[in-house]
């Protein structure tokens, strides 16, 4: 669902709203982090909301902290402060300390 929400250009905000209603996490070999990084420039609010939700749903340490950091860097100057705070807290919780500091 997360990958589809990111890729829907005309109704991305509505798709993210739906995705936020369900429990979520990140798959080990999914492409959603790359998709979120790509969408950060033109859809920072919806991308940051979805990214925070996905990180919050992940229960094990992150296997791709470098990708988490890349998304944070892409969102840093664009996303709302509250979303960035949530993302940083979740990145820290998952052991992506450099990502939380990014």
N, C-alpha and C. Protein backbone atom coordinates (compact mmCIF):
# COMPACT_ATOMS: atom_id res chain seq x y z
N UNK A 1 0.82 -1.20 0.00
CA UNK A 1 0.00 0.00 0.00
C UNK A 1 0.86 1.26 0.00
N UNK A 2 1.95 1.25 0.76
CA UNK A 2 2.80 2.44 0.87
C UNK A 2 3.40 2.80 -0.49
N UNK A 3 3.88 1.82 -1.21
CA UNK A 3 4.45 2.08 -2.52
C UNK A 3 3.45 2.66 -3.48
N UNK A 4 2.25 2.18 -3.42
CA UNK A 4 1.20 2.72 -4.29
C UNK A 4 0.83 4.14 -3.88
N UNK A 5 0.77 4.39 -2.58
CA UNK A 5 0.43 5.73 -2.11
C UNK A 5 1.44 6.76 -2.60
N UNK A 6 2.70 6.41 -2.60
CA UNK A 6 3.75 7.32 -3.04
C UNK A 6 3.66 7.57 -4.54
N UNK A 7 3.32 6.56 -5.30
CA UNK A 7 3.35 6.69 -6.76
C UNK A 7 2.10 7.33 -7.36
N UNK A 8 1.06 7.52 -6.58
CA UNK A 8 -0.16 8.14 -7.10
C UNK A 8 -0.02 9.66 -7.09
N UNK A 9 0.19 10.24 -8.24
CA UNK A 9 0.43 11.68 -8.29
C UNK A 9 -0.82 12.51 -8.08
N UNK A 10 -1.90 12.17 -8.72
CA UNK A 10 -3.11 12.98 -8.65
C UNK A 10 -3.86 12.87 -7.33
N UNK A 11 -3.70 11.77 -6.65
CA UNK A 11 -4.44 11.57 -5.39
C UNK A 11 -3.52 11.07 -4.27
N UNK A 12 -2.28 11.53 -4.28
CA UNK A 12 -1.28 11.08 -3.30
C UNK A 12 -1.72 11.39 -1.87
N UNK A 13 -2.22 12.59 -1.62
CA UNK A 13 -2.62 12.95 -0.25
C UNK A 13 -3.72 12.04 0.28
N UNK A 14 -4.69 11.73 -0.56
CA UNK A 14 -5.78 10.84 -0.15
C UNK A 14 -5.26 9.43 0.08
N UNK A 15 -4.35 8.98 -0.77
CA UNK A 15 -3.77 7.64 -0.62
C UNK A 15 -2.95 7.55 0.66
N UNK A 16 -2.21 8.60 0.99
CA UNK A 16 -1.44 8.61 2.23
C UNK A 16 -2.39 8.60 3.43
N UNK A 17 -3.47 9.36 3.36
CA UNK A 17 -4.46 9.35 4.44
C UNK A 17 -4.97 7.93 4.69
N UNK A 18 -5.26 7.20 3.61
CA UNK A 18 -5.71 5.81 3.75
C UNK A 18 -4.62 4.92 4.33
N UNK A 19 -3.40 5.11 3.87
CA UNK A 19 -2.28 4.30 4.37
C UNK A 19 -2.05 4.53 5.86
N UNK A 20 -2.27 5.75 6.32
CA UNK A 20 -2.06 6.07 7.73
C UNK A 20 -3.11 5.42 8.64
N UNK A 21 -4.21 4.97 8.07
CA UNK A 21 -5.25 4.31 8.85
C UNK A 21 -4.92 2.86 9.17
N UNK A 22 -3.96 2.30 8.48
CA UNK A 22 -3.60 0.89 8.66
C UNK A 22 -2.22 0.79 9.31
N UNK A 23 -1.99 -0.32 9.98
CA UNK A 23 -0.65 -0.53 10.52
C UNK A 23 0.29 -0.75 9.33
N UNK A 24 1.53 -0.33 9.50
CA UNK A 24 2.47 -0.42 8.39
C UNK A 24 3.88 -0.58 8.91
N UNK A 25 4.76 -0.92 8.03
CA UNK A 25 6.18 -1.05 8.32
C UNK A 25 6.93 -1.07 7.01
N UNK A 26 8.21 -1.33 7.10
CA UNK A 26 9.03 -1.39 5.90
C UNK A 26 9.46 -2.82 5.64
N UNK A 27 9.36 -3.24 4.40
CA UNK A 27 9.82 -4.58 4.02
C UNK A 27 11.32 -4.57 3.76
N UNK A 28 11.92 -5.71 4.00
CA UNK A 28 13.38 -5.82 3.85
C UNK A 28 13.86 -5.48 2.45
N UNK A 29 13.13 -5.83 1.44
CA UNK A 29 13.62 -5.61 0.08
C UNK A 29 12.66 -4.75 -0.74
N UNK A 30 11.92 -3.89 -0.08
CA UNK A 30 10.98 -3.04 -0.79
C UNK A 30 11.67 -1.82 -1.39
N UNK A 31 10.97 -1.13 -2.24
CA UNK A 31 11.49 0.05 -2.94
C UNK A 31 10.92 1.35 -2.40
N UNK A 32 10.13 1.28 -1.34
CA UNK A 32 9.40 2.46 -0.90
C UNK A 32 10.33 3.58 -0.42
N UNK A 33 11.47 3.25 0.17
CA UNK A 33 12.38 4.31 0.60
C UNK A 33 12.92 5.09 -0.60
N UNK A 34 13.23 4.40 -1.66
CA UNK A 34 13.68 5.08 -2.88
C UNK A 34 12.56 5.92 -3.47
N UNK A 35 11.34 5.41 -3.42
CA UNK A 35 10.20 6.17 -3.93
C UNK A 35 9.96 7.42 -3.09
N UNK A 36 10.08 7.28 -1.77
CA UNK A 36 9.88 8.44 -0.89
C UNK A 36 10.94 9.50 -1.15
N UNK A 37 12.17 9.09 -1.33
CA UNK A 37 13.24 10.04 -1.63
C UNK A 37 12.93 10.80 -2.92
N UNK A 38 12.45 10.09 -3.92
CA UNK A 38 12.12 10.71 -5.20
C UNK A 38 10.96 11.70 -5.08
N UNK A 39 10.01 11.39 -4.23
CA UNK A 39 8.83 12.24 -4.07
C UNK A 39 9.04 13.40 -3.11
N UNK A 40 10.13 13.39 -2.36
CA UNK A 40 10.35 14.40 -1.33
C UNK A 40 10.33 15.82 -1.87
N UNK A 41 10.86 16.02 -3.06
CA UNK A 41 10.96 17.36 -3.61
C UNK A 41 9.59 17.95 -3.98
N UNK A 42 8.74 17.17 -4.63
CA UNK A 42 7.48 17.71 -5.10
C UNK A 42 6.29 17.37 -4.21
N UNK A 43 6.46 16.50 -3.22
CA UNK A 43 5.37 16.16 -2.30
C UNK A 43 5.92 15.93 -0.89
N UNK A 44 6.57 16.96 -0.30
CA UNK A 44 7.24 16.75 0.98
C UNK A 44 6.29 16.48 2.14
N UNK A 45 5.12 17.07 2.15
CA UNK A 45 4.22 16.88 3.28
C UNK A 45 3.68 15.46 3.32
N UNK A 46 3.14 14.99 2.22
CA UNK A 46 2.61 13.62 2.21
C UNK A 46 3.73 12.60 2.34
N UNK A 47 4.87 12.85 1.73
CA UNK A 47 6.00 11.92 1.84
C UNK A 47 6.49 11.81 3.28
N UNK A 48 6.59 12.93 3.96
CA UNK A 48 7.07 12.90 5.34
C UNK A 48 6.06 12.24 6.28
N UNK A 49 4.79 12.46 6.04
CA UNK A 49 3.76 11.81 6.87
C UNK A 49 3.83 10.30 6.72
N UNK A 50 3.92 9.84 5.49
CA UNK A 50 3.98 8.41 5.22
C UNK A 50 5.28 7.80 5.75
N UNK A 51 6.39 8.49 5.57
CA UNK A 51 7.68 8.00 6.03
C UNK A 51 7.68 7.82 7.55
N UNK A 52 7.17 8.81 8.27
CA UNK A 52 7.09 8.69 9.74
C UNK A 52 6.24 7.52 10.16
N UNK A 53 5.14 7.31 9.48
CA UNK A 53 4.22 6.20 9.78
C UNK A 53 4.90 4.85 9.52
N UNK A 54 5.60 4.75 8.42
CA UNK A 54 6.28 3.50 8.10
C UNK A 54 7.39 3.19 9.09
N UNK A 55 8.15 4.21 9.49
CA UNK A 55 9.21 3.98 10.47
C UNK A 55 8.62 3.59 11.82
N UNK A 56 7.51 4.21 12.20
CA UNK A 56 6.87 3.89 13.47
C UNK A 56 6.36 2.46 13.50
N UNK A 57 6.00 1.92 12.35
CA UNK A 57 5.50 0.56 12.28
C UNK A 57 6.57 -0.50 12.21
N UNK A 58 7.81 -0.10 12.08
CA UNK A 58 8.92 -1.05 12.01
C UNK A 58 9.37 -1.39 13.42
N UNK A 59 9.48 -2.68 13.70
CA UNK A 59 9.81 -3.10 15.06
C UNK A 59 11.24 -3.56 15.23
N UNK A 60 11.92 -3.88 14.18
CA UNK A 60 13.30 -4.35 14.29
C UNK A 60 14.25 -3.25 13.82
N UNK A 61 15.49 -3.31 14.21
CA UNK A 61 16.44 -2.29 13.74
C UNK A 61 16.46 -2.23 12.22
N UNK A 62 16.73 -1.05 11.74
CA UNK A 62 16.69 -0.85 10.29
C UNK A 62 17.89 -1.47 9.60
N UNK A 63 17.62 -2.16 8.52
CA UNK A 63 18.63 -2.81 7.70
C UNK A 63 19.18 -1.86 6.67
N UNK A 64 18.55 -0.71 6.49
CA UNK A 64 18.99 0.24 5.48
C UNK A 64 19.05 1.65 6.05
N UNK A 65 19.83 1.82 7.10
CA UNK A 65 19.92 3.15 7.70
C UNK A 65 20.40 4.20 6.70
N UNK A 66 21.25 3.81 5.78
CA UNK A 66 21.73 4.78 4.79
C UNK A 66 20.58 5.29 3.91
N UNK A 67 19.62 4.42 3.59
CA UNK A 67 18.47 4.87 2.80
C UNK A 67 17.55 5.75 3.65
N UNK A 68 17.40 5.40 4.93
CA UNK A 68 16.60 6.24 5.83
C UNK A 68 17.23 7.63 5.88
N UNK A 69 18.53 7.69 6.01
CA UNK A 69 19.23 8.97 6.05
C UNK A 69 19.04 9.74 4.75
N UNK A 70 19.09 9.06 3.62
CA UNK A 70 18.89 9.73 2.33
C UNK A 70 17.51 10.38 2.25
N UNK A 71 16.50 9.70 2.73
CA UNK A 71 15.14 10.26 2.70
C UNK A 71 15.06 11.47 3.64
N UNK A 72 15.66 11.35 4.82
CA UNK A 72 15.65 12.48 5.76
C UNK A 72 16.33 13.70 5.14
N UNK A 73 17.45 13.50 4.51
CA UNK A 73 18.16 14.61 3.87
C UNK A 73 17.29 15.23 2.78
N UNK A 74 16.61 14.42 2.01
CA UNK A 74 15.73 14.92 0.94
C UNK A 74 14.56 15.72 1.49
N UNK A 75 14.09 15.34 2.68
CA UNK A 75 12.94 16.01 3.29
C UNK A 75 13.33 17.20 4.17
N UNK A 76 14.55 17.27 4.60
CA UNK A 76 14.98 18.20 5.65
C UNK A 76 14.52 19.64 5.44
N UNK A 77 14.69 20.18 4.29
CA UNK A 77 14.34 21.58 4.04
C UNK A 77 12.91 21.77 3.55
N UNK A 78 12.18 20.68 3.37
CA UNK A 78 10.87 20.78 2.74
C UNK A 78 9.70 20.38 3.62
N UNK A 79 9.92 19.42 4.50
CA UNK A 79 8.83 18.84 5.28
C UNK A 79 8.53 19.67 6.52
N UNK A 80 7.31 19.55 7.04
CA UNK A 80 6.96 20.26 8.27
C UNK A 80 7.83 19.79 9.44
N UNK A 81 8.11 20.71 10.34
CA UNK A 81 8.97 20.42 11.49
C UNK A 81 8.46 19.26 12.33
N UNK A 82 7.16 19.19 12.55
CA UNK A 82 6.60 18.10 13.36
C UNK A 82 6.84 16.74 12.70
N UNK A 83 6.69 16.66 11.40
CA UNK A 83 6.96 15.40 10.70
C UNK A 83 8.42 15.02 10.83
N UNK A 84 9.31 15.99 10.70
CA UNK A 84 10.74 15.71 10.82
C UNK A 84 11.10 15.24 12.23
N UNK A 85 10.43 15.79 13.24
CA UNK A 85 10.66 15.37 14.61
C UNK A 85 10.28 13.91 14.79
N UNK A 86 9.11 13.53 14.29
CA UNK A 86 8.64 12.14 14.38
C UNK A 86 9.61 11.21 13.64
N UNK A 87 10.01 11.60 12.46
CA UNK A 87 10.93 10.79 11.66
C UNK A 87 12.25 10.61 12.41
N UNK A 88 12.79 11.68 12.96
CA UNK A 88 14.04 11.60 13.70
C UNK A 88 13.94 10.70 14.91
N UNK A 89 12.83 10.79 15.64
CA UNK A 89 12.63 9.93 16.81
C UNK A 89 12.57 8.47 16.41
N UNK A 90 11.87 8.18 15.34
CA UNK A 90 11.74 6.80 14.89
C UNK A 90 13.07 6.27 14.35
N UNK A 91 13.81 7.09 13.65
CA UNK A 91 15.12 6.67 13.14
C UNK A 91 16.06 6.36 14.30
N UNK A 92 16.01 7.16 15.33
CA UNK A 92 16.83 6.92 16.52
C UNK A 92 16.42 5.61 17.19
N UNK A 93 15.12 5.39 17.33
CA UNK A 93 14.60 4.17 17.94
C UNK A 93 15.06 2.93 17.18
N UNK A 94 15.16 3.03 15.88
CA UNK A 94 15.55 1.89 15.04
C UNK A 94 17.07 1.70 14.95
N UNK A 95 17.80 2.55 15.61
CA UNK A 95 19.25 2.41 15.58
C UNK A 95 19.92 3.14 14.44
N UNK A 96 19.20 4.01 13.80
CA UNK A 96 19.76 4.80 12.70
C UNK A 96 20.19 6.16 13.26
N UNK A 97 21.09 6.13 14.19
CA UNK A 97 21.50 7.36 14.89
C UNK A 97 22.02 8.41 13.91
N UNK A 98 22.87 8.07 12.95
CA UNK A 98 23.29 9.10 12.01
C UNK A 98 22.10 9.68 11.23
N UNK A 99 21.11 8.85 10.93
CA UNK A 99 19.92 9.34 10.22
C UNK A 99 19.16 10.33 11.09
N UNK A 100 19.05 10.05 12.37
CA UNK A 100 18.32 10.95 13.27
C UNK A 100 19.03 12.29 13.39
N UNK A 101 20.34 12.29 13.23
CA UNK A 101 21.11 13.51 13.33
C UNK A 101 21.16 14.27 12.01
N UNK A 102 20.73 13.63 10.94
CA UNK A 102 20.85 14.22 9.60
C UNK A 102 19.99 15.47 9.47
